[in-house]
PDB file of N, CA and C in Angstrom:
ATOM      1  N   MET A   1       0.818  -1.198   0.000  1.00  0.00           N
ATOM      2  CA  MET A   1       0.000   0.000   0.000  1.00  0.00           C
ATOM      3  C   MET A   1       0.859   1.258   0.000  1.00  0.00           C
ATOM      4  N   THR A   2       1.966   1.237   0.737  1.00  0.00           N
ATOM      5  CA  THR A   2       2.799   2.429   0.790  1.00  0.00           C
ATOM      6  C   THR A   2       3.488   2.689  -0.550  1.00  0.00           C
ATOM      7  N   ARG A   3       3.784   1.627  -1.301  1.00  0.00           N
ATOM      8  CA  ARG A   3       4.399   1.812  -2.618  1.00  0.00           C
ATOM      9  C   ARG A   3       3.449   2.518  -3.574  1.00  0.00           C
ATOM     10  N   ALA A   4       2.175   2.318  -3.392  1.00  0.00           N
ATOM     11  CA  ALA A   4       1.180   2.958  -4.251  1.00  0.00           C
ATOM     12  C   ALA A   4       1.162   4.465  -4.046  1.00  0.00           C
ATOM     13  N   TRP A   5       1.559   4.911  -2.878  1.00  0.00           N
ATOM     14  CA  TRP A   5       1.577   6.346  -2.587  1.00  0.00           C
ATOM     15  C   TRP A   5       2.879   7.017  -3.005  1.00  0.00           C
ATOM     16  N   ASN A   6       3.928   6.274  -3.244  1.00  0.00           N
ATOM     17  CA  ASN A   6       5.222   6.880  -3.558  1.00  0.00           C
ATOM     18  C   ASN A   6       5.189   7.730  -4.826  1.00  0.00           C
ATOM     19  N   THR A   7       4.613   7.240  -5.888  1.00  0.00           N
ATOM     20  CA  THR A   7       4.600   7.985  -7.147  1.00  0.00           C
ATOM     21  C   THR A   7       3.764   9.259  -7.054  1.00  0.00           C
ATOM     22  N   PRO A   8       2.537   9.216  -6.533  1.00  0.00           N
ATOM     23  CA  PRO A   8       1.780  10.473  -6.428  1.00  0.00           C
ATOM     24  C   PRO A   8       2.448  11.497  -5.505  1.00  0.00           C
ATOM     25  N   ILE A   9       3.014  11.042  -4.424  1.00  0.00           N
ATOM     26  CA  ILE A   9       3.687  11.978  -3.512  1.00  0.00           C
ATOM     27  C   ILE A   9       4.915  12.570  -4.189  1.00  0.00           C
ATOM     28  N   PHE A  10       5.664  11.748  -4.910  1.00  0.00           N
ATOM     29  CA  PHE A  10       6.816  12.247  -5.640  1.00  0.00           C
ATOM     30  C   PHE A  10       6.388  13.282  -6.680  1.00  0.00           C
ATOM     31  N   MET A  11       5.302  13.027  -7.392  1.00  0.00           N
ATOM     32  CA  MET A  11       4.830  13.956  -8.419  1.00  0.00           C
ATOM     33  C   MET A  11       4.380  15.280  -7.808  1.00  0.00           C
ATOM     34  N   VAL A  12       3.685  15.226  -6.692  1.00  0.00           N
ATOM     35  CA  VAL A  12       3.251  16.451  -6.018  1.00  0.00           C
ATOM     36  C   VAL A  12       4.469  17.247  -5.561  1.00  0.00           C
ATOM     37  N   ALA A  13       5.450  16.578  -4.993  1.00  0.00           N
ATOM     38  CA  ALA A  13       6.666  17.271  -4.555  1.00  0.00           C
ATOM     39  C   ALA A  13       7.409  17.868  -5.741  1.00  0.00           C
ATOM     40  N   PHE A  14       7.487  17.132  -6.839  1.00  0.00           N
ATOM     41  CA  PHE A  14       8.168  17.624  -8.037  1.00  0.00           C
ATOM     42  C   PHE A  14       7.475  18.876  -8.580  1.00  0.00           C
ATOM     43  N   VAL A  15       6.163  18.837  -8.679  1.00  0.00           N
ATOM     44  CA  VAL A  15       5.410  20.000  -9.175  1.00  0.00           C
ATOM     45  C   VAL A  15       5.602  21.185  -8.235  1.00  0.00           C
ATOM     46  N   TYR A  16       5.586  20.943  -6.938  1.00  0.00           N
ATOM     47  CA  TYR A  16       5.785  22.014  -5.970  1.00  0.00           C
ATOM     48  C   TYR A  16       7.159  22.666  -6.149  1.00  0.00           C
ATOM     49  N   PHE A  17       8.208  21.874  -6.266  1.00  0.00           N
ATOM     50  CA  PHE A  17       9.550  22.436  -6.395  1.00  0.00           C
ATOM     51  C   PHE A  17       9.749  23.154  -7.730  1.00  0.00           C
ATOM     52  N   VAL A  18       9.158  22.650  -8.789  1.00  0.00           N
ATOM     53  CA  VAL A  18       9.244  23.336 -10.078  1.00  0.00           C
ATOM     54  C   VAL A  18       8.499  24.666 -10.013  1.00  0.00           C
ATOM     55  N   ALA A  19       7.307  24.666  -9.430  1.00  0.00           N
ATOM     56  CA  ALA A  19       6.543  25.908  -9.290  1.00  0.00           C
ATOM     57  C   ALA A  19       7.296  26.913  -8.422  1.00  0.00           C
ATOM     58  N   ASP A  20       7.924  26.440  -7.357  1.00  0.00           N
ATOM     59  CA  ASP A  20       8.709  27.318  -6.491  1.00  0.00           C
ATOM     60  C   ASP A  20       9.889  27.917  -7.246  1.00  0.00           C
ATOM     61  N   ALA A  21      10.563  27.129  -8.048  1.00  0.00           N
ATOM     62  CA  ALA A  21      11.701  27.630  -8.818  1.00  0.00           C
ATOM     63  C   ALA A  21      11.258  28.670  -9.847  1.00  0.00           C
ATOM     64  N   VAL A  22      10.147  28.416 -10.519  1.00  0.00           N
ATOM     65  CA  VAL A  22       9.641  29.379 -11.507  1.00  0.00           C
ATOM     66  C   VAL A  22       9.216  30.666 -10.809  1.00  0.00           C
ATOM     67  N   PHE A  23       8.510  30.557  -9.706  1.00  0.00           N
ATOM     68  CA  PHE A  23       8.074  31.740  -8.968  1.00  0.00           C
ATOM     69  C   PHE A  23       9.268  32.541  -8.465  1.00  0.00           C
ATOM     70  N   SER A  24      10.293  31.868  -7.955  1.00  0.00           N
ATOM     71  CA  SER A  24      11.495  32.564  -7.479  1.00  0.00           C
ATOM     72  C   SER A  24      12.201  33.283  -8.624  1.00  0.00           C
ATOM     73  N   TYR A  25      12.251  32.650  -9.785  1.00  0.00           N
ATOM     74  CA  TYR A  25      12.889  33.264 -10.948  1.00  0.00           C
ATOM     75  C   TYR A  25      12.123  34.512 -11.392  1.00  0.00           C
ATOM     76  N   VAL A  26      10.815  34.443 -11.367  1.00  0.00           N
ATOM     77  CA  VAL A  26       9.991  35.563 -11.813  1.00  0.00           C
ATOM     78  C   VAL A  26      10.049  36.720 -10.819  1.00  0.00           C
ATOM     79  N   THR A  27      10.056  36.425  -9.537  1.00  0.00           N
ATOM     80  CA  THR A  27      10.016  37.490  -8.527  1.00  0.00           C
ATOM     81  C   THR A  27      11.391  38.033  -8.153  1.00  0.00           C
ATOM     82  N   ARG A  28      12.457  37.462  -8.659  1.00  0.00           N
ATOM     83  CA  ARG A  28      13.807  37.923  -8.311  1.00  0.00           C
ATOM     84  C   ARG A  28      14.026  39.404  -8.615  1.00  0.00           C
ATOM     85  N   PRO A  29      13.671  39.933  -9.794  1.00  0.00           N
ATOM     86  CA  PRO A  29      13.875  41.361 -10.040  1.00  0.00           C
ATOM     87  C   PRO A  29      13.093  42.254  -9.074  1.00  0.00           C
ATOM     88  N   ILE A  30      11.917  41.801  -8.676  1.00  0.00           N
ATOM     89  CA  ILE A  30      11.116  42.592  -7.736  1.00  0.00           C
ATOM     90  C   ILE A  30      11.793  42.631  -6.369  1.00  0.00           C
ATOM     91  N   THR A  31      12.312  41.506  -5.916  1.00  0.00           N
ATOM     92  CA  THR A  31      12.964  41.483  -4.610  1.00  0.00           C
ATOM     93  C   THR A  31      14.258  42.297  -4.612  1.00  0.00           C
ATOM     94  N   VAL A  32      14.981  42.288  -5.717  1.00  0.00           N
ATOM     95  CA  VAL A  32      16.195  43.105  -5.817  1.00  0.00           C
ATOM     96  C   VAL A  32      15.822  44.578  -5.756  1.00  0.00           C
ATOM     97  N   TRP A  33      14.768  44.965  -6.472  1.00  0.00           N
ATOM     98  CA  TRP A  33      14.324  46.358  -6.448  1.00  0.00           C
ATOM     99  C   TRP A  33      13.883  46.762  -5.045  1.00  0.00           C
ATOM    100  N   MET A  34      13.120  45.890  -4.379  1.00  0.00           N
ATOM    101  CA  MET A  34      12.651  46.207  -3.028  1.00  0.00           C
ATOM    102  C   MET A  34      13.810  46.339  -2.046  1.00  0.00           C
ATOM    103  N   ALA A  35      14.830  45.523  -2.207  1.00  0.00           N
ATOM    104  CA  ALA A  35      15.973  45.575  -1.302  1.00  0.00           C
ATOM    105  C   ALA A  35      16.735  46.889  -1.435  1.00  0.00           C
ATOM    106  N   ARG A  36      16.657  47.511  -2.585  1.00  0.00           N
ATOM    107  CA  ARG A  36      17.364  48.781  -2.802  1.00  0.00           C
ATOM    108  C   ARG A  36      16.607  49.988  -2.269  1.00  0.00           C
ATOM    109  N   GLN A  37      15.354  49.818  -1.907  1.00  0.00           N
ATOM    110  CA  GLN A  37      14.567  50.946  -1.423  1.00  0.00           C
ATOM    111  C   GLN A  37      15.091  51.395  -0.061  1.00  0.00           C
ATOM    112  N   ARG A  38      15.126  52.698   0.123  1.00  0.00           N
ATOM    113  CA  ARG A  38      15.713  53.277   1.329  1.00  0.00           C
ATOM    114  C   ARG A  38      15.017  52.806   2.614  1.00  0.00           C
ATOM    115  N   LEU A  39      13.701  52.766   2.598  1.00  0.00           N
ATOM    116  CA  LEU A  39      12.969  52.349   3.793  1.00  0.00           C
ATOM    117  C   LEU A  39      13.315  50.919   4.182  1.00  0.00           C
ATOM    118  N   LEU A  40      13.378  50.025   3.211  1.00  0.00           N
ATOM    119  CA  LEU A  40      13.684  48.631   3.516  1.00  0.00           C
ATOM    120  C   LEU A  40      15.146  48.446   3.916  1.00  0.00           C
ATOM    121  N   GLN A  41      16.044  49.258   3.380  1.00  0.00           N
ATOM    122  CA  GLN A  41      17.448  49.180   3.800  1.00  0.00           C
ATOM    123  C   GLN A  41      17.570  49.572   5.271  1.00  0.00           C
ATOM    124  N   ARG A  42      16.858  50.631   5.661  1.00  0.00           N
ATOM    125  CA  ARG A  42      16.903  51.061   7.056  1.00  0.00           C
ATOM    126  C   ARG A  42      16.309  50.004   7.972  1.00  0.00           C
ATOM    127  N   ALA A  43      15.214  49.377   7.547  1.00  0.00           N
ATOM    128  CA  ALA A  43      14.601  48.318   8.359  1.00  0.00           C
ATOM    129  C   ALA A  43      15.544  47.126   8.478  1.00  0.00           C
ATOM    130  N   ARG A  44      16.226  46.763   7.377  1.00  0.00           N
ATOM    131  CA  ARG A  44      17.174  45.648   7.416  1.00  0.00           C
ATOM    132  C   ARG A  44      18.327  45.946   8.370  1.00  0.00           C
ATOM    133  N   LEU A  45      18.836  47.166   8.327  1.00  0.00           N
ATOM    134  CA  LEU A  45      19.922  47.542   9.231  1.00  0.00           C
ATOM    135  C   LEU A  45      19.463  47.502  10.693  1.00  0.00           C
ATOM    136  N   TRP A  46      18.226  47.929  10.931  1.00  0.00           N
ATOM    137  CA  TRP A  46      17.697  47.904  12.295  1.00  0.00           C
ATOM    138  C   TRP A  46      17.569  46.474  12.803  1.00  0.00           C
ATOM    139  N   VAL A  47      17.005  45.605  11.989  1.00  0.00           N
ATOM    140  CA  VAL A  47      16.838  44.204  12.396  1.00  0.00           C
ATOM    141  C   VAL A  47      18.204  43.549  12.581  1.00  0.00           C
ATOM    142  N   ALA A  48      19.155  43.850  11.718  1.00  0.00           N
ATOM    143  CA  ALA A  48      20.492  43.260  11.839  1.00  0.00           C
ATOM    144  C   ALA A  48      21.206  43.727  13.093  1.00  0.00           C
ATOM    145  N   SER A  49      20.849  44.904  13.597  1.00  0.00           N
ATOM    146  CA  SER A  49      21.516  45.420  14.789  1.00  0.00           C
ATOM    147  C   SER A  49      20.935  44.858  16.084  1.00  0.00           C
ATOM    148  N   LEU A  50      19.815  44.147  15.999  1.00  0.00           N
ATOM    149  CA  LEU A  50      19.189  43.610  17.213  1.00  0.00           C
ATOM    150  C   LEU A  50      19.975  42.422  17.754  1.00  0.00           C
ATOM    151  N   PRO A  51      19.948  42.247  19.081  1.00  0.00           N
ATOM    152  CA  PRO A  51      20.526  41.041  19.668  1.00  0.00           C
ATOM    153  C   PRO A  51      19.704  39.809  19.263  1.00  0.00           C
ATOM    154  N   PRO A  52      20.204  38.603  19.556  1.00  0.00           N
ATOM    155  CA  PRO A  52      19.535  37.393  19.067  1.00  0.00           C
ATOM    156  C   PRO A  52      18.083  37.222  19.515  1.00  0.00           C
ATOM    157  N   TYR A  53      17.786  37.412  20.789  1.00  0.00           N
ATOM    158  CA  TYR A  53      16.429  37.127  21.261  1.00  0.00           C
ATOM    159  C   TYR A  53      15.387  38.111  20.741  1.00  0.00           C
ATOM    160  N   PRO A  54      15.637  39.417  20.721  1.00  0.00           N
ATOM    161  CA  PRO A  54      14.643  40.310  20.111  1.00  0.00           C
ATOM    162  C   PRO A  54      14.413  40.023  18.622  1.00  0.00           C
ATOM    163  N   SER A  55      15.449  39.642  17.895  1.00  0.00           N
ATOM    164  CA  SER A  55      15.239  39.305  16.484  1.00  0.00           C
ATOM    165  C   SER A  55      14.454  38.005  16.346  1.00  0.00           C
ATOM    166  N   LEU A  56      14.607  37.095  17.296  1.00  0.00           N
ATOM    167  CA  LEU A  56      13.825  35.862  17.298  1.00  0.00           C
ATOM    168  C   LEU A  56      12.345  36.168  17.522  1.00  0.00           C
ATOM    169  N   VAL A  57      12.058  37.142  18.369  1.00  0.00           N
ATOM    170  CA  VAL A  57      10.673  37.555  18.602  1.00  0.00           C
ATOM    171  C   VAL A  57      10.084  38.136  17.316  1.00  0.00           C
ATOM    172  N   LEU A  58      10.871  38.894  16.566  1.00  0.00           N
ATOM    173  CA  LEU A  58      10.386  39.413  15.291  1.00  0.00           C
ATOM    174  C   LEU A  58      10.051  38.277  14.338  1.00  0.00           C
ATOM    175  N   TYR A  59      10.849  37.234  14.361  1.00  0.00           N
ATOM    176  CA  TYR A  59      10.644  36.110  13.447  1.00  0.00           C
ATOM    177  C   TYR A  59       9.396  35.303  13.813  1.00  0.00           C
ATOM    178  N   PHE A  60       9.245  34.992  15.083  1.00  0.00           N
ATOM    179  CA  PHE A  60       8.139  34.142  15.513  1.00  0.00           C
ATOM    180  C   PHE A  60       6.898  34.934  15.892  1.00  0.00           C
ATOM    181  N   GLY A  61       7.045  36.203  16.178  1.00  0.00           N
ATOM    182  CA  GLY A  61       5.891  37.006  16.602  1.00  0.00           C
ATOM    183  C   GLY A  61       5.566  36.769  18.060  1.00  0.00           C
ATOM    184  N   THR A  62       4.555  37.470  18.544  1.00  0.00           N
ATOM    185  CA  THR A  62       4.201  37.359  19.948  1.00  0.00           C
ATOM    186  C   THR A  62       2.803  36.814  20.159  1.00  0.00           C
ATOM    187  N   ASP A  63       1.983  36.674  19.126  1.00  0.00           N
ATOM    188  CA  ASP A  63       0.607  36.214  19.275  1.00  0.00           C
ATOM    189  C   ASP A  63       0.455  34.758  18.898  1.00  0.00           C
ATOM    190  N   HIS A  64       1.057  33.884  19.681  1.00  0.00           N
ATOM    191  CA  HIS A  64       0.932  32.447  19.441  1.00  0.00           C
ATOM    192  C   HIS A  64       0.140  31.793  20.572  1.00  0.00           C
ATOM    193  N   HIS A  65      -0.988  32.419  20.903  1.00  0.00           N
ATOM    194  CA  HIS A  65      -1.820  31.859  21.956  1.00  0.00           C
ATOM    195  C   HIS A  65      -2.904  30.987  21.331  1.00  0.00           C
ATOM    196  N   PRO A  66      -3.111  29.797  21.865  1.00  0.00           N
ATOM    197  CA  PRO A  66      -4.142  28.915  21.297  1.00  0.00           C
ATOM    198  C   PRO A  66      -5.546  29.423  21.518  1.00  0.00           C
TER     199      PRO A  66
END
């Protein structure tokens, strides 16, 4: 039974990774342009200057209450 699932799961994963690669290729110029914007450069510098735990809070957020 598990062998029957291998091919469909492989195909779904393959389609997902191909779609991700195409999307990344298409959005690359937009992300480069956004990174050059002054506001985002200042935000990046601010986040980079934070110590480890405050930057971890930015990553995970604070509203993880069930």
